[in-house]
């Protein structure tokens, strides 16, 4: 019976302490008013015209690897795959 009384007192103290907490949790801070305000300011009209960057070097397609390098890489990958397959077929000790 004493254990039950002690458990009830502990539960009451825990609930009383939880009731005294503040409401500054993440779910309260993420309300629609606080989330949409920065988005609205980002969508403000822009009056400046875009300017081209002469130092930009972006291309539509990446450069291809030279043929010998690509062939060597493919051969090396095939060798590694063959070694892995052979190691997988060996019986475990």
Protein backbone atom coordinates (compact mmCIF):
# COMPACT_ATOMS: atom_id res chain seq x y z
CA UNK A 1 0.00 0.00 0.00
CA UNK A 2 2.89 2.35 0.75
CA UNK A 3 4.27 1.84 -2.74
CA UNK A 4 0.94 2.85 -4.25
CA UNK A 5 0.80 6.01 -2.13
CA UNK A 6 4.39 6.90 -3.06
CA UNK A 7 3.65 6.30 -6.75
CA UNK A 8 0.52 8.47 -6.58
CA UNK A 9 2.45 11.28 -4.87
CA UNK A 10 5.19 11.07 -7.51
CA UNK A 11 2.63 11.19 -10.32
CA UNK A 12 0.90 14.19 -8.74
CA UNK A 13 4.20 16.05 -8.35
CA UNK A 14 5.15 15.28 -11.95
CA UNK A 15 1.85 16.55 -13.31
CA UNK A 16 2.02 19.68 -11.15
CA UNK A 17 5.53 20.43 -12.41
CA UNK A 18 4.46 19.88 -16.02
CA UNK A 19 1.55 22.29 -15.58
CA UNK A 20 3.96 25.06 -14.54
CA UNK A 21 5.91 24.88 -17.80
CA UNK A 22 5.86 27.60 -20.45
CA UNK A 23 4.31 27.29 -23.88
CA UNK A 24 7.43 28.25 -25.84
CA UNK A 25 7.66 24.94 -27.65
CA UNK A 26 8.38 24.55 -31.36
CA UNK A 27 4.78 23.89 -32.36
CA UNK A 28 3.67 27.25 -30.99
CA UNK A 29 6.47 29.17 -32.69
CA UNK A 30 5.73 27.64 -36.08
CA UNK A 31 2.34 29.22 -36.51
CA UNK A 32 1.24 30.49 -39.92
CA UNK A 33 1.81 34.12 -38.97
CA UNK A 34 5.48 33.68 -38.15
CA UNK A 35 6.25 31.32 -41.03
CA UNK A 36 4.60 33.25 -43.83
CA UNK A 37 5.97 36.69 -42.93
CA UNK A 38 9.51 35.97 -44.22
CA UNK A 39 8.04 34.34 -47.32
CA UNK A 40 5.94 37.41 -48.05
CA UNK A 41 8.95 39.69 -47.77
CA UNK A 42 10.92 37.43 -50.13
CA UNK A 43 8.15 37.73 -52.73
CA UNK A 44 8.25 41.52 -52.71
CA UNK A 45 8.47 43.05 -56.19
CA UNK A 46 11.98 43.37 -57.60
CA UNK A 47 12.68 46.53 -59.56
CA UNK A 48 16.22 45.72 -60.62
CA UNK A 49 17.01 44.11 -63.97
CA UNK A 50 19.13 40.96 -64.05
CA UNK A 51 22.78 41.43 -64.99
CA UNK A 52 24.86 38.91 -66.95
CA UNK A 53 28.01 37.63 -65.23
CA UNK A 54 30.86 37.61 -67.76
CA UNK A 55 32.97 35.30 -65.59
CA UNK A 56 30.29 32.58 -65.43
CA UNK A 57 31.40 29.32 -67.04
CA UNK A 58 28.29 27.18 -66.79
CA UNK A 59 27.68 24.82 -69.71
CA UNK A 60 24.71 22.72 -70.65
CA UNK A 61 26.64 19.44 -70.84
CA UNK A 62 29.55 18.28 -68.71
CA UNK A 63 32.84 17.56 -70.41
CA UNK A 64 33.25 13.93 -71.41
CA UNK A 65 36.16 11.87 -70.10
CA UNK A 66 38.86 11.15 -72.65
CA UNK A 67 38.40 7.69 -74.17
CA UNK A 68 41.57 6.07 -72.68
CA UNK A 69 40.73 7.25 -69.16
CA UNK A 70 37.14 6.01 -69.42
CA UNK A 71 38.30 2.63 -70.73
CA UNK A 72 40.87 2.24 -67.96
CA UNK A 73 38.25 3.11 -65.34
CA UNK A 74 35.81 0.59 -66.80
CA UNK A 75 38.48 -2.12 -66.85
CA UNK A 76 39.44 -1.41 -63.24
CA UNK A 77 35.79 -1.58 -62.17
CA UNK A 78 35.37 -4.90 -63.98
CA UNK A 79 38.46 -6.30 -62.24
CA UNK A 80 37.16 -5.25 -58.82
CA UNK A 81 33.76 -6.80 -59.57
CA UNK A 82 35.38 -10.07 -60.68
CA UNK A 83 37.50 -10.21 -57.51
CA UNK A 84 34.45 -9.54 -55.35
CA UNK A 85 32.48 -12.27 -57.08
CA UNK A 86 35.36 -14.73 -56.65
CA UNK A 87 35.67 -13.83 -52.96
CA UNK A 88 31.93 -14.33 -52.47
CA UNK A 89 32.09 -17.83 -53.97
CA UNK A 90 34.96 -19.00 -51.74
CA UNK A 91 33.82 -21.14 -48.81
CA UNK A 92 33.94 -19.51 -45.40
CA UNK A 93 36.51 -20.87 -42.99
